[in-house]
Amino acid sequence: MDEIDAPAAFPYRPVSPARRGRKRFLCAAGTVLALAAAAFLGRWAVNAALAGPGDAGRYRLAPPASFQGLTRQETGPRVDAIKRGQGTPKPGTTPVAVVYADPAGTAQLVVSGAAGAFTDEDPGHVLVRGLHDTGADGTAPQDAGTPAGGAMQCGTLASGAGPVTLCMWADHSSVVTVTVPVEHAPVPIGTLAGRVRALRAAMEVPAAS
């Protein structure tokens, strides 16, 4: 489950290894997303107010209530960790922080990002440079596969709780990271890329809609 147990009642009882591990996973998730925010949103916010491509801001992010048998979670400890990782929203951007969980409530996909009017001419180059800066290994380009264009890169990032498989897409309207929760075994990059392309197609919608 994606919940944290209530604090132990008095008298004092040691925190169980399972609870320590769960908190470590959540902290690691926040750290990973903080790195992503620093590498992308912080850099791109500088450009948000500049004149740029005509399609800048043409799309917005609307995470669907359900996706491939998973249910959207917008509250809870893991979502709180995502938001801490994102930090203060950058001017001109609208952040997104959700988790998709299976019927048992176990998180399967962690989604963090922002929509805005981004003006970088080469999103793919920015993704490669940013993922390299965070220390991601095995970064592989993927076909973005949606009308918004842009680029998508996937790879594996080391964290204090173990390796994290992630995909990131970027275009002139959004920058989004999708990870497999760190407590799960990393999935093949191609498998995650297929899921992320489908999720992107479902959640990136015309701004006027």
C-alpha atoms as a PDB file:
ATOM      1  CA  MET A   1       0.000   0.000   0.000  1.00  0.00           C
ATOM      2  CA  ASP A   2       1.078   3.557  -0.591  1.00  0.00           C
ATOM      3  CA  GLU A   3       0.359   4.771   2.941  1.00  0.00           C
ATOM      4  CA  ILE A   4       2.501   5.386   6.026  1.00  0.00           C
ATOM      5  CA  ASP A   5       1.385   3.857   9.340  1.00  0.00           C
ATOM      6  CA  ALA A   6       0.395   6.165  12.219  1.00  0.00           C
ATOM      7  CA  PRO A   7       3.184   7.064  14.677  1.00  0.00           C
ATOM      8  CA  ALA A   8       3.827   4.527  17.418  1.00  0.00           C
ATOM      9  CA  ALA A   9       1.944   5.205  20.659  1.00  0.00           C
ATOM     10  CA  PHE A  10       3.704   5.710  24.016  1.00  0.00           C
ATOM     11  CA  PRO A  11       5.633   3.843  25.396  1.00  0.00           C
ATOM     12  CA  TYR A  12       8.343   4.082  22.781  1.00  0.00           C
ATOM     13  CA  ARG A  13       8.640   1.227  20.301  1.00  0.00           C
ATOM     14  CA  PRO A  14      11.468   1.061  17.742  1.00  0.00           C
ATOM     15  CA  VAL A  15      10.502   1.838  14.155  1.00  0.00           C
ATOM     16  CA  SER A  16      10.249  -1.433  12.252  1.00  0.00           C
ATOM     17  CA  PRO A  17      12.643  -2.122   9.342  1.00  0.00           C
ATOM     18  CA  ALA A  18       9.643  -2.156   6.984  1.00  0.00           C
ATOM     19  CA  ARG A  19       8.592   1.345   8.045  1.00  0.00           C
ATOM     20  CA  ARG A  20      12.166   2.621   7.812  1.00  0.00           C
ATOM     21  CA  GLY A  21      12.409   1.131   4.328  1.00  0.00           C
ATOM     22  CA  ARG A  22       9.129   2.712   3.255  1.00  0.00           C
ATOM     23  CA  LYS A  23      10.251   6.158   4.413  1.00  0.00           C
ATOM     24  CA  ARG A  24      13.603   5.646   2.675  1.00  0.00           C
ATOM     25  CA  PHE A  25      11.789   4.826  -0.568  1.00  0.00           C
ATOM     26  CA  LEU A  26       9.680   7.981  -0.313  1.00  0.00           C
ATOM     27  CA  CYS A  27      12.731  10.144   0.441  1.00  0.00           C
ATOM     28  CA  ALA A  28      14.558   8.602  -2.506  1.00  0.00           C
ATOM     29  CA  ALA A  29      11.601   9.336  -4.777  1.00  0.00           C
ATOM     30  CA  GLY A  30      11.618  12.957  -3.656  1.00  0.00           C
ATOM     31  CA  THR A  31      15.364  13.185  -4.278  1.00  0.00           C
ATOM     32  CA  VAL A  32      15.077  11.777  -7.790  1.00  0.00           C
ATOM     33  CA  LEU A  33      12.315  14.215  -8.662  1.00  0.00           C
ATOM     34  CA  ALA A  34      14.194  17.106  -7.086  1.00  0.00           C
ATOM     35  CA  LEU A  35      17.122  16.347  -9.385  1.00  0.00           C
ATOM     36  CA  ALA A  36      14.798  16.294 -12.358  1.00  0.00           C
ATOM     37  CA  ALA A  37      13.210  19.595 -11.351  1.00  0.00           C
ATOM     38  CA  ALA A  38      16.605  21.222 -10.912  1.00  0.00           C
ATOM     39  CA  ALA A  39      17.889  19.939 -14.236  1.00  0.00           C
ATOM     40  CA  PHE A  40      14.867  20.904 -16.311  1.00  0.00           C
ATOM     41  CA  LEU A  41      12.240  23.198 -14.810  1.00  0.00           C
ATOM     42  CA  GLY A  42      14.781  25.534 -13.230  1.00  0.00           C
ATOM     43  CA  ARG A  43      16.656  25.882 -16.494  1.00  0.00           C
ATOM     44  CA  TRP A  44      13.609  26.227 -18.717  1.00  0.00           C
ATOM     45  CA  ALA A  45      11.736  28.714 -16.556  1.00  0.00           C
ATOM     46  CA  VAL A  46      14.250  31.371 -17.605  1.00  0.00           C
ATOM     47  CA  ASN A  47      13.065  30.970 -21.175  1.00  0.00           C
ATOM     48  CA  ALA A  48       9.339  30.889 -20.437  1.00  0.00           C
ATOM     49  CA  ALA A  49       8.913  34.661 -20.781  1.00  0.00           C
ATOM     50  CA  LEU A  50      10.868  34.942 -24.049  1.00  0.00           C
ATOM     51  CA  ALA A  51       9.419  34.936 -27.542  1.00  0.00           C
ATOM     52  CA  GLY A  52       9.732  31.432 -28.949  1.00  0.00           C
ATOM     53  CA  PRO A  53       8.132  28.727 -31.107  1.00  0.00           C
ATOM     54  CA  GLY A  54       4.558  29.298 -32.157  1.00  0.00           C
ATOM     55  CA  ASP A  55       3.427  26.055 -30.512  1.00  0.00           C
ATOM     56  CA  ALA A  56       4.763  27.014 -27.072  1.00  0.00           C
ATOM     57  CA  GLY A  57       2.017  26.401 -24.508  1.00  0.00           C
ATOM     58  CA  ARG A  58      -0.323  24.820 -27.044  1.00  0.00           C
ATOM     59  CA  TYR A  59      -0.977  21.828 -24.763  1.00  0.00           C
ATOM     60  CA  ARG A  60      -1.717  21.337 -21.065  1.00  0.00           C
ATOM     61  CA  LEU A  61      -1.422  18.350 -18.723  1.00  0.00           C
ATOM     62  CA  ALA A  62      -4.597  16.543 -17.590  1.00  0.00           C
ATOM     63  CA  PRO A  63      -3.691  13.189 -15.975  1.00  0.00           C
ATOM     64  CA  PRO A  64      -6.580  10.751 -16.566  1.00  0.00           C
ATOM     65  CA  ALA A  65      -8.445   9.291 -13.591  1.00  0.00           C
ATOM     66  CA  SER A  66      -7.439   5.796 -14.692  1.00  0.00           C
ATOM     67  CA  PHE A  67      -4.740   4.394 -16.948  1.00  0.00           C
ATOM     68  CA  GLN A  68      -4.192   0.794 -18.055  1.00  0.00           C
ATOM     69  CA  GLY A  69      -6.003  -0.600 -15.024  1.00  0.00           C
ATOM     70  CA  LEU A  70      -4.317   1.812 -12.610  1.00  0.00           C
ATOM     71  CA  THR A  71      -6.055   4.536 -10.600  1.00  0.00           C
ATOM     72  CA  ARG A  72      -4.782   8.088 -10.177  1.00  0.00           C
ATOM     73  CA  GLN A  73      -3.786   9.150  -6.659  1.00  0.00           C
ATOM     74  CA  GLU A  74      -3.512  12.899  -6.013  1.00  0.00           C
ATOM     75  CA  THR A  75      -2.880  12.758  -2.263  1.00  0.00           C
ATOM     76  CA  GLY A  76      -0.811  10.685   0.131  1.00  0.00           C
ATOM     77  CA  PRO A  77       2.778  10.449   1.377  1.00  0.00           C
ATOM     78  CA  ARG A  78       4.266   9.644  -2.011  1.00  0.00           C
ATOM     79  CA  VAL A  79       2.522  12.560  -3.712  1.00  0.00           C
ATOM     80  CA  ASP A  80       3.761  14.783  -0.897  1.00  0.00           C
ATOM     81  CA  ALA A  81       7.303  13.537  -1.609  1.00  0.00           C
ATOM     82  CA  ILE A  82       6.895  14.408  -5.284  1.00  0.00           C
ATOM     83  CA  LYS A  83       5.755  17.921  -4.442  1.00  0.00           C
ATOM     84  CA  ARG A  84       8.687  18.422  -2.080  1.00  0.00           C
ATOM     85  CA  GLY A  85      10.984  17.312  -4.884  1.00  0.00           C
ATOM     86  CA  GLN A  86       9.407  19.792  -7.275  1.00  0.00           C
ATOM     87  CA  GLY A  87       9.861  22.722  -4.915  1.00  0.00           C
ATOM     88  CA  THR A  88       8.171  26.075  -5.488  1.00  0.00           C
ATOM     89  CA  PRO A  89       6.345  26.224  -8.856  1.00  0.00           C
ATOM     90  CA  LYS A  90       8.239  28.264 -11.421  1.00  0.00           C
ATOM     91  CA  PRO A  91       6.536  31.399 -12.789  1.00  0.00           C
ATOM     92  CA  GLY A  92       4.378  30.601 -15.796  1.00  0.00           C
ATOM     93  CA  THR A  93       4.223  26.864 -15.111  1.00  0.00           C
ATOM     94  CA  THR A  94       1.522  24.548 -13.751  1.00  0.00           C
ATOM     95  CA  PRO A  95       2.965  21.576 -11.836  1.00  0.00           C
ATOM     96  CA  VAL A  96       1.621  18.024 -11.952  1.00  0.00           C
ATOM     97  CA  ALA A  97       2.261  15.438  -9.219  1.00  0.00           C
ATOM     98  CA  VAL A  98       0.317  12.162  -9.284  1.00  0.00           C
ATOM     99  CA  VAL A  99       0.767   8.456  -8.686  1.00  0.00           C
ATOM    100  CA  TYR A 100      -0.934   5.620 -10.552  1.00  0.00           C
ATOM    101  CA  ALA A 101      -1.700   2.638  -8.302  1.00  0.00           C
ATOM    102  CA  ASP A 102      -3.031  -0.864  -8.879  1.00  0.00           C
ATOM    103  CA  PRO A 103      -6.337  -2.100  -7.353  1.00  0.00           C
ATOM    104  CA  ALA A 104      -4.502  -3.000  -4.123  1.00  0.00           C
ATOM    105  CA  GLY A 105      -3.347   0.612  -3.787  1.00  0.00           C
ATOM    106  CA  THR A 106       0.296  -0.135  -4.596  1.00  0.00           C
ATOM    107  CA  ALA A 107       2.012   2.595  -6.621  1.00  0.00           C
ATOM    108  CA  GLN A 108       3.137   1.495 -10.084  1.00  0.00           C
ATOM    109  CA  LEU A 109       3.954   4.786 -11.827  1.00  0.00           C
ATOM    110  CA  VAL A 110       5.110   8.084 -10.335  1.00  0.00           C
ATOM    111  CA  VAL A 111       4.467  11.188 -12.444  1.00  0.00           C
ATOM    112  CA  SER A 112       6.040  14.597 -11.885  1.00  0.00           C
ATOM    113  CA  GLY A 113       6.221  17.546 -14.240  1.00  0.00           C
ATOM    114  CA  ALA A 114       4.899  20.889 -15.332  1.00  0.00           C
ATOM    115  CA  ALA A 115       3.082  22.519 -18.207  1.00  0.00           C
ATOM    116  CA  GLY A 116       3.984  25.921 -19.581  1.00  0.00           C
ATOM    117  CA  ALA A 117       5.155  27.818 -22.658  1.00  0.00           C
ATOM    118  CA  PHE A 118       8.715  26.503 -23.065  1.00  0.00           C
ATOM    119  CA  THR A 119      10.865  28.005 -25.784  1.00  0.00           C
ATOM    120  CA  ASP A 120      13.917  25.741 -26.042  1.00  0.00           C
ATOM    121  CA  GLU A 121      14.457  25.006 -29.728  1.00  0.00           C
ATOM    122  CA  ASP A 122      15.872  21.509 -29.150  1.00  0.00           C
ATOM    123  CA  PRO A 123      14.089  19.696 -26.276  1.00  0.00           C
ATOM    124  CA  GLY A 124      15.931  16.472 -27.095  1.00  0.00           C
ATOM    125  CA  HIS A 125      19.323  18.071 -26.511  1.00  0.00           C
ATOM    126  CA  VAL A 126      18.135  19.525 -23.207  1.00  0.00           C
ATOM    127  CA  LEU A 127      16.869  16.108 -22.075  1.00  0.00           C
ATOM    128  CA  VAL A 128      20.128  14.338 -22.910  1.00  0.00           C
ATOM    129  CA  ARG A 129      22.186  17.001 -21.148  1.00  0.00           C
ATOM    130  CA  GLY A 130      19.893  17.089 -18.119  1.00  0.00           C
ATOM    131  CA  LEU A 131      19.774  13.312 -17.676  1.00  0.00           C
ATOM    132  CA  HIS A 132      23.546  13.164 -18.002  1.00  0.00           C
ATOM    133  CA  ASP A 133      23.836  15.830 -15.297  1.00  0.00           C
ATOM    134  CA  THR A 134      21.656  13.746 -12.931  1.00  0.00           C
ATOM    135  CA  GLY A 135      23.844  10.670 -13.487  1.00  0.00           C
ATOM    136  CA  ALA A 136      21.334   8.560 -15.438  1.00  0.00           C
ATOM    137  CA  ASP A 137      22.836   5.484 -17.122  1.00  0.00           C
ATOM    138  CA  GLY A 138      21.732   3.732 -20.265  1.00  0.00           C
ATOM    139  CA  THR A 139      19.852   6.769 -21.530  1.00  0.00           C
ATOM    140  CA  ALA A 140      18.033   5.841 -24.725  1.00  0.00           C
ATOM    141  CA  PRO A 141      16.109   8.155 -27.051  1.00  0.00           C
ATOM    142  CA  GLN A 142      12.500   7.214 -27.706  1.00  0.00           C
ATOM    143  CA  ASP A 143       9.979   8.349 -30.287  1.00  0.00           C
ATOM    144  CA  ALA A 144       7.797  10.957 -28.574  1.00  0.00           C
ATOM    145  CA  GLY A 145       4.770   9.716 -30.511  1.00  0.00           C
ATOM    146  CA  THR A 146       2.248  12.515 -29.889  1.00  0.00           C
ATOM    147  CA  PRO A 147       1.057  15.606 -31.792  1.00  0.00           C
ATOM    148  CA  ALA A 148       3.025  17.828 -29.378  1.00  0.00           C
ATOM    149  CA  GLY A 149       6.274  16.443 -30.774  1.00  0.00           C
ATOM    150  CA  GLY A 150       9.368  17.162 -28.726  1.00  0.00           C
ATOM    151  CA  ALA A 151      11.520  14.322 -27.447  1.00  0.00           C
ATOM    152  CA  MET A 152      11.595  11.507 -24.911  1.00  0.00           C
ATOM    153  CA  GLN A 153      14.575   9.909 -23.194  1.00  0.00           C
ATOM    154  CA  CYS A 154      14.624   6.893 -20.873  1.00  0.00           C
ATOM    155  CA  GLY A 155      17.274   5.488 -18.577  1.00  0.00           C
ATOM    156  CA  THR A 156      18.165   4.227 -15.129  1.00  0.00           C
ATOM    157  CA  LEU A 157      19.145   6.506 -12.270  1.00  0.00           C
ATOM    158  CA  ALA A 158      20.888   5.432  -9.079  1.00  0.00           C
ATOM    159  CA  SER A 159      19.308   6.402  -5.759  1.00  0.00           C
ATOM    160  CA  GLY A 160      19.949   5.690  -2.103  1.00  0.00           C
ATOM    161  CA  ALA A 161      17.259   2.988  -2.157  1.00  0.00           C
ATOM    162  CA  GLY A 162      18.292   1.366  -5.440  1.00  0.00           C
ATOM    163  CA  PRO A 163      18.094   1.972  -9.206  1.00  0.00           C
ATOM    164  CA  VAL A 164      15.124   3.857 -10.621  1.00  0.00           C
ATOM    165  CA  THR A 165      13.869   3.342 -14.177  1.00  0.00           C
ATOM    166  CA  LEU A 166      12.539   6.552 -15.676  1.00  0.00           C
ATOM    167  CA  CYS A 167      11.394   8.211 -18.873  1.00  0.00           C
ATOM    168  CA  MET A 168      11.228  11.961 -19.425  1.00  0.00           C
ATOM    169  CA  TRP A 169       9.541  13.835 -22.209  1.00  0.00           C
ATOM    170  CA  ALA A 170       9.892  17.481 -23.140  1.00  0.00           C
ATOM    171  CA  ASP A 171       8.280  19.693 -25.737  1.00  0.00           C
ATOM    172  CA  HIS A 172       7.248  23.326 -25.991  1.00  0.00           C
ATOM    173  CA  SER A 173       4.300  22.748 -23.621  1.00  0.00           C
ATOM    174  CA  SER A 174       5.426  20.286 -20.959  1.00  0.00           C
ATOM    175  CA  VAL A 175       8.317  18.646 -19.137  1.00  0.00           C
ATOM    176  CA  VAL A 176       7.397  15.375 -17.378  1.00  0.00           C
ATOM    177  CA  THR A 177       9.223  12.578 -15.546  1.00  0.00           C
ATOM    178  CA  VAL A 178       7.617   9.145 -15.147  1.00  0.00           C
ATOM    179  CA  THR A 179       9.350   6.641 -12.877  1.00  0.00           C
ATOM    180  CA  VAL A 180       8.759   3.136 -11.649  1.00  0.00           C
ATOM    181  CA  PRO A 181       8.658   3.336  -7.821  1.00  0.00           C
ATOM    182  CA  VAL A 182      12.106   2.733  -6.415  1.00  0.00           C
ATOM    183  CA  GLU A 183      10.956  -0.236  -4.300  1.00  0.00           C
ATOM    184  CA  HIS A 184      10.103  -2.156  -7.491  1.00  0.00           C
ATOM    185  CA  ALA A 185      12.702  -3.877  -9.640  1.00  0.00           C
ATOM    186  CA  PRO A 186      13.706  -1.729 -12.646  1.00  0.00           C
ATOM    187  CA  VAL A 187      11.712  -2.620 -15.753  1.00  0.00           C
ATOM    188  CA  PRO A 188      13.154  -2.843 -19.271  1.00  0.00           C
ATOM    189  CA  ILE A 189      13.459   0.626 -20.765  1.00  0.00           C
ATOM    190  CA  GLY A 190      11.431  -0.373 -23.817  1.00  0.00           C
ATOM    191  CA  THR A 191       8.569  -1.574 -21.616  1.00  0.00           C
ATOM    192  CA  LEU A 192       8.436   1.632 -19.603  1.00  0.00           C
ATOM    193  CA  ALA A 193       8.786   3.750 -22.753  1.00  0.00           C
ATOM    194  CA  GLY A 194       5.694   2.130 -24.244  1.00  0.00           C
ATOM    195  CA  ARG A 195       3.642   2.855 -21.132  1.00  0.00           C
ATOM    196  CA  VAL A 196       4.888   6.422 -20.937  1.00  0.00           C
ATOM    197  CA  ARG A 197       4.064   7.116 -24.584  1.00  0.00           C
ATOM    198  CA  ALA A 198       0.513   5.886 -23.928  1.00  0.00           C
ATOM    199  CA  LEU A 199       0.227   7.963 -20.754  1.00  0.00           C
ATOM    200  CA  ARG A 200       1.530  11.046 -22.514  1.00  0.00           C
ATOM    201  CA  ALA A 201      -1.017  10.627 -25.294  1.00  0.00           C
ATOM    202  CA  ALA A 202      -3.753  10.413 -22.637  1.00  0.00           C
ATOM    203  CA  MET A 203      -2.690  13.333 -20.430  1.00  0.00           C
ATOM    204  CA  GLU A 204      -1.257  15.944 -22.820  1.00  0.00           C
ATOM    205  CA  VAL A 205      -4.324  17.660 -24.285  1.00  0.00           C
ATOM    206  CA  PRO A 206      -4.902  20.887 -26.236  1.00  0.00           C
ATOM    207  CA  ALA A 207      -4.754  23.924 -23.963  1.00  0.00           C
ATOM    208  CA  ALA A 208      -8.089  25.147 -25.278  1.00  0.00           C
ATOM    209  CA  SER A 209      -9.911  21.931 -24.296  1.00  0.00           C
END
